[in-house]
N, C-alpha and C. Protein backbone atom coordinates (compact mmCIF):
# COMPACT_ATOMS: atom_id res chain seq x y z
N UNK A 1 -14.09 12.69 -1.58
CA UNK A 1 -14.32 11.52 -2.00
C UNK A 1 -15.00 11.55 -3.24
N UNK A 2 -14.84 10.64 -4.03
CA UNK A 2 -15.53 10.80 -5.52
C UNK A 2 -16.96 9.90 -5.13
N UNK A 3 -17.95 10.27 -5.67
CA UNK A 3 -19.43 9.42 -5.70
C UNK A 3 -19.36 8.38 -6.20
N UNK A 4 -19.79 7.31 -5.58
CA UNK A 4 -20.26 5.90 -6.28
C UNK A 4 -21.24 5.82 -7.20
N UNK A 5 -21.24 5.51 -8.27
CA UNK A 5 -22.52 5.52 -9.03
C UNK A 5 -23.08 4.12 -9.09
N UNK A 6 -24.58 4.15 -8.32
CA UNK A 6 -25.09 3.06 -8.26
C UNK A 6 -25.53 2.28 -9.67
N UNK A 7 -25.35 2.83 -10.65
CA UNK A 7 -25.51 2.15 -12.08
C UNK A 7 -24.35 1.13 -12.20
N UNK A 8 -23.47 1.33 -11.75
CA UNK A 8 -22.13 0.80 -11.76
C UNK A 8 -22.01 -0.86 -10.76
N UNK A 9 -22.97 -1.14 -10.22
CA UNK A 9 -22.95 -2.03 -9.04
C UNK A 9 -23.30 -3.10 -9.56
N UNK A 10 -22.72 -4.24 -10.01
CA UNK A 10 -22.22 -5.62 -10.55
C UNK A 10 -21.76 -6.65 -9.31
N UNK A 11 -22.39 -6.74 -8.35
CA UNK A 11 -21.41 -7.72 -7.15
C UNK A 11 -21.23 -9.10 -7.95
N UNK A 12 -19.84 -9.70 -7.18
CA UNK A 12 -20.02 -11.16 -8.14
C UNK A 12 -20.93 -11.97 -7.95
N UNK A 13 -21.22 -12.89 -8.92
CA UNK A 13 -22.29 -13.82 -8.66
C UNK A 13 -21.94 -14.84 -7.34
N UNK A 14 -22.86 -15.53 -7.19
CA UNK A 14 -22.67 -16.87 -5.98
C UNK A 14 -21.94 -17.79 -7.08
N UNK A 15 -21.73 -18.04 -8.03
CA UNK A 15 -21.03 -19.15 -8.59
C UNK A 15 -19.20 -18.50 -8.39
N UNK A 16 -19.12 -17.45 -8.40
CA UNK A 16 -18.02 -16.98 -8.07
C UNK A 16 -17.53 -16.84 -6.70
N UNK A 17 -18.74 -16.05 -6.01
CA UNK A 17 -18.35 -16.05 -4.44
C UNK A 17 -19.25 -16.67 -3.59
N UNK A 18 -19.31 -17.82 -3.22
CA UNK A 18 -20.35 -18.33 -2.50
C UNK A 18 -20.81 -17.64 -1.19
N UNK A 19 -22.28 -17.60 -1.25
CA UNK A 19 -22.96 -17.00 -0.07
C UNK A 19 -22.33 -17.50 1.23
N UNK A 20 -22.06 -17.11 2.12
CA UNK A 20 -21.68 -17.31 3.39
C UNK A 20 -22.39 -16.82 4.56
N UNK A 21 -22.75 -17.65 5.62
CA UNK A 21 -23.51 -17.38 6.78
C UNK A 21 -22.81 -17.08 7.84
N UNK A 22 -22.62 -15.94 8.52
CA UNK A 22 -21.89 -15.32 9.39
C UNK A 22 -22.76 -15.27 10.61
N UNK A 23 -22.19 -15.54 11.87
CA UNK A 23 -22.91 -15.23 13.22
C UNK A 23 -23.44 -13.40 13.14
N UNK A 24 -24.34 -13.41 13.39
CA UNK A 24 -24.96 -11.82 13.49
C UNK A 24 -23.82 -11.00 14.71
N UNK A 25 -23.32 -11.59 15.67
CA UNK A 25 -22.16 -10.91 16.37
C UNK A 25 -20.82 -11.02 15.96
N UNK A 26 -20.53 -11.61 14.80
CA UNK A 26 -19.44 -11.41 14.44
C UNK A 26 -18.81 -9.93 13.94
N UNK A 27 -17.67 -9.19 14.58
CA UNK A 27 -17.27 -8.06 14.41
C UNK A 27 -17.13 -7.63 12.97
N UNK A 28 -17.05 -6.36 12.44
CA UNK A 28 -16.65 -5.77 11.27
C UNK A 28 -15.85 -4.63 11.74
N UNK A 29 -14.65 -4.49 11.63
CA UNK A 29 -13.81 -3.31 11.75
C UNK A 29 -13.24 -2.72 10.60
N UNK A 30 -13.48 -1.50 10.00
CA UNK A 30 -12.92 -0.99 8.73
C UNK A 30 -11.81 0.25 9.44
N UNK A 31 -10.31 -0.02 9.41
CA UNK A 31 -9.51 1.10 9.78
C UNK A 31 -8.37 1.74 8.78
N UNK A 32 -8.09 2.62 8.75
CA UNK A 32 -7.04 3.44 7.69
C UNK A 32 -5.97 3.49 8.96
N UNK A 33 -4.61 3.40 7.89
CA UNK A 33 -3.43 3.72 8.39
C UNK A 33 -3.03 5.08 8.47
N UNK A 34 -2.55 5.33 9.83
CA UNK A 34 -2.31 7.04 10.05
C UNK A 34 -0.74 6.88 10.73
N UNK A 35 0.12 7.77 10.54
CA UNK A 35 1.22 7.84 10.71
C UNK A 35 1.68 7.31 12.04
N UNK A 36 0.71 7.16 13.01
CA UNK A 36 0.85 6.76 14.63
C UNK A 36 0.39 5.47 14.43
N UNK A 37 -0.22 4.70 13.48
CA UNK A 37 -0.59 3.42 13.39
C UNK A 37 -1.77 3.20 12.88
N UNK A 38 -2.86 2.80 13.23
CA UNK A 38 -4.14 2.45 12.73
C UNK A 38 -5.42 3.39 13.36
N UNK A 39 -6.50 4.08 12.57
CA UNK A 39 -7.69 4.57 13.41
C UNK A 39 -8.75 3.75 12.76
N UNK A 40 -9.89 3.54 13.94
CA UNK A 40 -11.05 2.87 13.21
C UNK A 40 -11.88 3.97 12.86
N UNK A 41 -12.39 3.71 11.64
CA UNK A 41 -13.38 4.26 10.93
C UNK A 41 -14.74 3.72 11.17
N UNK A 42 -14.80 2.48 11.44
CA UNK A 42 -16.18 1.91 11.28
C UNK A 42 -16.00 0.69 12.23
N UNK A 43 -17.05 0.29 13.54
CA UNK A 43 -16.64 -0.70 14.06
C UNK A 43 -18.26 -1.04 14.44
N UNK A 44 -18.60 -2.39 13.87
CA UNK A 44 -19.74 -2.95 14.16
C UNK A 44 -20.17 -4.30 14.07
N UNK A 45 -21.18 -5.07 13.66
CA UNK A 45 -21.35 -6.36 13.73
C UNK A 45 -21.89 -6.73 12.28
N UNK A 46 -21.86 -7.77 12.01
CA UNK A 46 -22.78 -8.37 10.83
C UNK A 46 -23.89 -8.20 11.42
N UNK A 47 -24.65 -8.23 12.25
CA UNK A 47 -26.02 -8.04 12.22
C UNK A 47 -26.31 -6.69 12.43
N UNK A 48 -25.44 -5.64 12.68
CA UNK A 48 -25.66 -4.19 12.88
C UNK A 48 -25.46 -3.52 11.41
N UNK A 49 -24.92 -4.41 10.32
CA UNK A 49 -24.39 -3.70 9.15
C UNK A 49 -25.58 -3.27 8.40
N UNK A 50 -26.34 -3.81 8.29
CA UNK A 50 -27.75 -3.49 7.59
C UNK A 50 -28.13 -2.10 8.12
N UNK A 51 -28.21 -1.86 9.48
CA UNK A 51 -28.59 -0.64 9.80
C UNK A 51 -27.65 0.40 9.77
N UNK A 52 -26.44 0.27 9.48
CA UNK A 52 -25.48 1.39 9.40
C UNK A 52 -25.09 1.66 7.94
N UNK A 53 -26.14 0.99 6.81
CA UNK A 53 -25.54 1.20 5.46
C UNK A 53 -25.22 2.76 5.24
N UNK A 54 -25.76 3.72 5.42
CA UNK A 54 -25.41 4.94 5.47
C UNK A 54 -24.24 5.50 5.90
N UNK A 55 -24.14 5.21 7.07
CA UNK A 55 -22.40 5.41 7.74
C UNK A 55 -21.48 4.79 7.08
N UNK A 56 -21.41 3.42 6.48
CA UNK A 56 -20.72 2.61 5.85
C UNK A 56 -20.46 3.14 4.38
N UNK A 57 -21.47 3.48 3.81
CA UNK A 57 -21.17 4.70 2.38
C UNK A 57 -20.54 5.83 2.56
N UNK A 58 -20.49 6.52 3.94
CA UNK A 58 -19.52 7.69 4.26
C UNK A 58 -18.20 7.18 4.27
N UNK A 59 -17.84 6.20 5.32
CA UNK A 59 -16.73 6.14 5.63
C UNK A 59 -15.95 5.06 4.58
N UNK A 60 -16.68 4.20 4.03
CA UNK A 60 -15.78 3.28 3.03
C UNK A 60 -15.21 3.95 2.09
N UNK A 61 -13.59 3.60 1.83
CA UNK A 61 -12.98 4.10 0.73
C UNK A 61 -13.65 3.76 -0.47
N UNK A 62 -13.56 4.58 -1.37
CA UNK A 62 -14.04 4.15 -2.82
C UNK A 62 -13.69 2.75 -3.22
N UNK A 63 -12.37 2.57 -3.26
CA UNK A 63 -11.66 1.38 -3.77
C UNK A 63 -12.34 -0.13 -3.10
N UNK A 64 -12.58 0.24 -2.06
CA UNK A 64 -13.75 -0.90 -1.10
C UNK A 64 -14.81 -0.94 -1.57
N UNK A 65 -15.57 -0.01 -1.45
CA UNK A 65 -16.88 0.27 -2.87
C UNK A 65 -16.83 -0.76 -4.04
N UNK A 66 -16.05 -0.01 -4.77
CA UNK A 66 -15.90 -0.85 -5.81
C UNK A 66 -15.73 -2.24 -6.19
N UNK A 67 -14.93 -2.46 -5.15
CA UNK A 67 -14.26 -4.25 -4.85
C UNK A 67 -15.47 -4.91 -4.59
N UNK A 68 -16.42 -4.59 -3.47
CA UNK A 68 -17.60 -5.22 -2.92
C UNK A 68 -18.87 -5.06 -3.73
N UNK A 69 -19.13 -3.90 -4.65
CA UNK A 69 -20.31 -3.62 -4.75
C UNK A 69 -20.00 -4.11 -6.40
N UNK A 70 -19.01 -3.45 -7.35
CA UNK A 70 -19.18 -3.82 -8.41
C UNK A 70 -17.64 -5.05 -9.17
N UNK A 71 -17.09 -5.66 -8.14
CA UNK A 71 -16.38 -6.85 -8.27
C UNK A 71 -15.22 -6.23 -9.29
N UNK A 72 -14.66 -4.94 -9.02
CA UNK A 72 -13.43 -4.33 -9.68
C UNK A 72 -12.30 -4.65 -8.47
N UNK A 73 -11.30 -4.90 -9.01
CA UNK A 73 -9.88 -4.97 -8.17
C UNK A 73 -9.26 -3.44 -8.38
N UNK A 74 -8.55 -2.99 -7.50
CA UNK A 74 -8.18 -1.63 -7.35
C UNK A 74 -6.81 -1.76 -8.27
N UNK A 75 -6.16 -1.03 -9.24
CA UNK A 75 -4.93 -1.22 -9.56
C UNK A 75 -3.62 -0.63 -8.84
N UNK A 76 -2.98 -1.11 -8.53
CA UNK A 76 -1.91 -1.12 -7.53
C UNK A 76 -0.48 -0.26 -8.60
N UNK A 77 -0.12 0.98 -8.04
CA UNK A 77 1.24 1.51 -9.00
C UNK A 77 2.33 0.51 -8.84
N UNK A 78 2.92 0.37 -9.69
CA UNK A 78 4.08 -0.39 -9.89
C UNK A 78 5.27 0.56 -9.42
N UNK A 79 5.78 0.10 -7.97
CA UNK A 79 6.82 0.91 -7.37
C UNK A 79 8.29 0.06 -7.44
N UNK A 80 9.22 1.12 -7.84
CA UNK A 80 10.51 0.55 -8.10
C UNK A 80 11.53 1.19 -7.02
N UNK A 81 12.07 0.42 -6.09
CA UNK A 81 12.88 0.70 -5.19
C UNK A 81 13.89 0.16 -5.31
N UNK A 82 15.18 1.16 -5.00
CA UNK A 82 16.69 0.51 -5.63
C UNK A 82 17.54 0.59 -3.94
N UNK A 83 18.19 -0.47 -4.09
CA UNK A 83 19.05 -0.19 -2.86
C UNK A 83 20.19 -1.03 -3.14
N UNK A 84 21.27 -1.25 -2.30
CA UNK A 84 22.71 -1.72 -2.20
C UNK A 84 22.93 -2.48 -1.04
N UNK A 85 23.49 -3.68 -1.19
CA UNK A 85 23.97 -4.17 -0.04
C UNK A 85 25.60 -4.08 0.16
N UNK A 86 26.12 -3.97 1.50
CA UNK A 86 27.53 -3.87 1.55
C UNK A 86 27.67 -4.74 2.91
N UNK A 87 29.21 -5.15 2.71
CA UNK A 87 29.48 -6.10 3.72
C UNK A 87 29.64 -5.56 4.83
N UNK A 88 29.33 -6.04 6.25
CA UNK A 88 29.51 -5.53 7.32
C UNK A 88 30.96 -5.72 7.94
N UNK A 89 31.80 -4.94 8.08
CA UNK A 89 32.89 -5.14 9.03
C UNK A 89 33.06 -4.57 10.49
N UNK A 90 33.14 -5.63 11.24
CA UNK A 90 33.10 -5.30 12.61
C UNK A 90 34.15 -4.95 12.85
N UNK A 91 34.77 -3.48 13.52
CA UNK A 91 36.05 -3.31 14.04
C UNK A 91 36.25 -3.26 15.48
N UNK A 92 35.44 -3.96 16.37
CA UNK A 92 35.54 -4.06 17.63
C UNK A 92 35.82 -5.35 18.25
N UNK A 93 36.26 -5.73 18.99
CA UNK A 93 36.49 -7.38 19.46
C UNK A 93 35.49 -7.61 20.40
N UNK A 94 35.49 -8.76 21.28
CA UNK A 94 34.30 -8.92 22.05
C UNK A 94 34.15 -8.18 23.01
N UNK A 95 35.16 -7.23 23.40
CA UNK A 95 35.01 -6.64 24.59
C UNK A 95 34.46 -5.50 24.19
N UNK A 96 34.17 -4.79 22.88
CA UNK A 96 33.47 -3.56 22.64
C UNK A 96 34.53 -2.53 22.24
N UNK A 97 35.58 -2.72 22.47
CA UNK A 97 36.96 -1.83 22.55
C UNK A 97 37.21 -2.07 20.89
N UNK A 98 37.94 -0.99 20.17
CA UNK A 98 38.11 -1.08 19.06
C UNK A 98 39.84 -2.15 19.15
N UNK A 99 40.10 -2.99 18.12
CA UNK A 99 41.00 -3.67 17.86
C UNK A 99 41.78 -3.01 16.99
N UNK A 100 42.92 -3.31 17.18
CA UNK A 100 44.28 -2.80 15.95
C UNK A 100 45.02 -4.15 15.73
N UNK A 101 45.26 -4.18 14.60
CA UNK A 101 46.14 -5.66 14.26
C UNK A 101 47.66 -5.71 15.22
N UNK A 102 47.86 -6.70 15.52
CA UNK A 102 49.39 -6.40 16.14
C UNK A 102 50.53 -6.70 15.10
């Protein structure tokens, strides 16, 4: 993972993002997608996050650190997907057997 440069830290101002008070027991979960689903990479609370800063710096993806600390949104690649649509013709009758014209 690329190191995050502290001189680039420019969190959004309170006029752009108002300060919110969250209860200290509010859970924070960071997870990453895996082939079998999702894997938690951090689980803590608002109250414990201050003590977990070193851990958070190690597990947070770079794009998330840039978003939270530098107010920069990640660029998303433009992916084009082609597909076709065909009319479905059901060749079975209601009993599930093949029907043939009489």
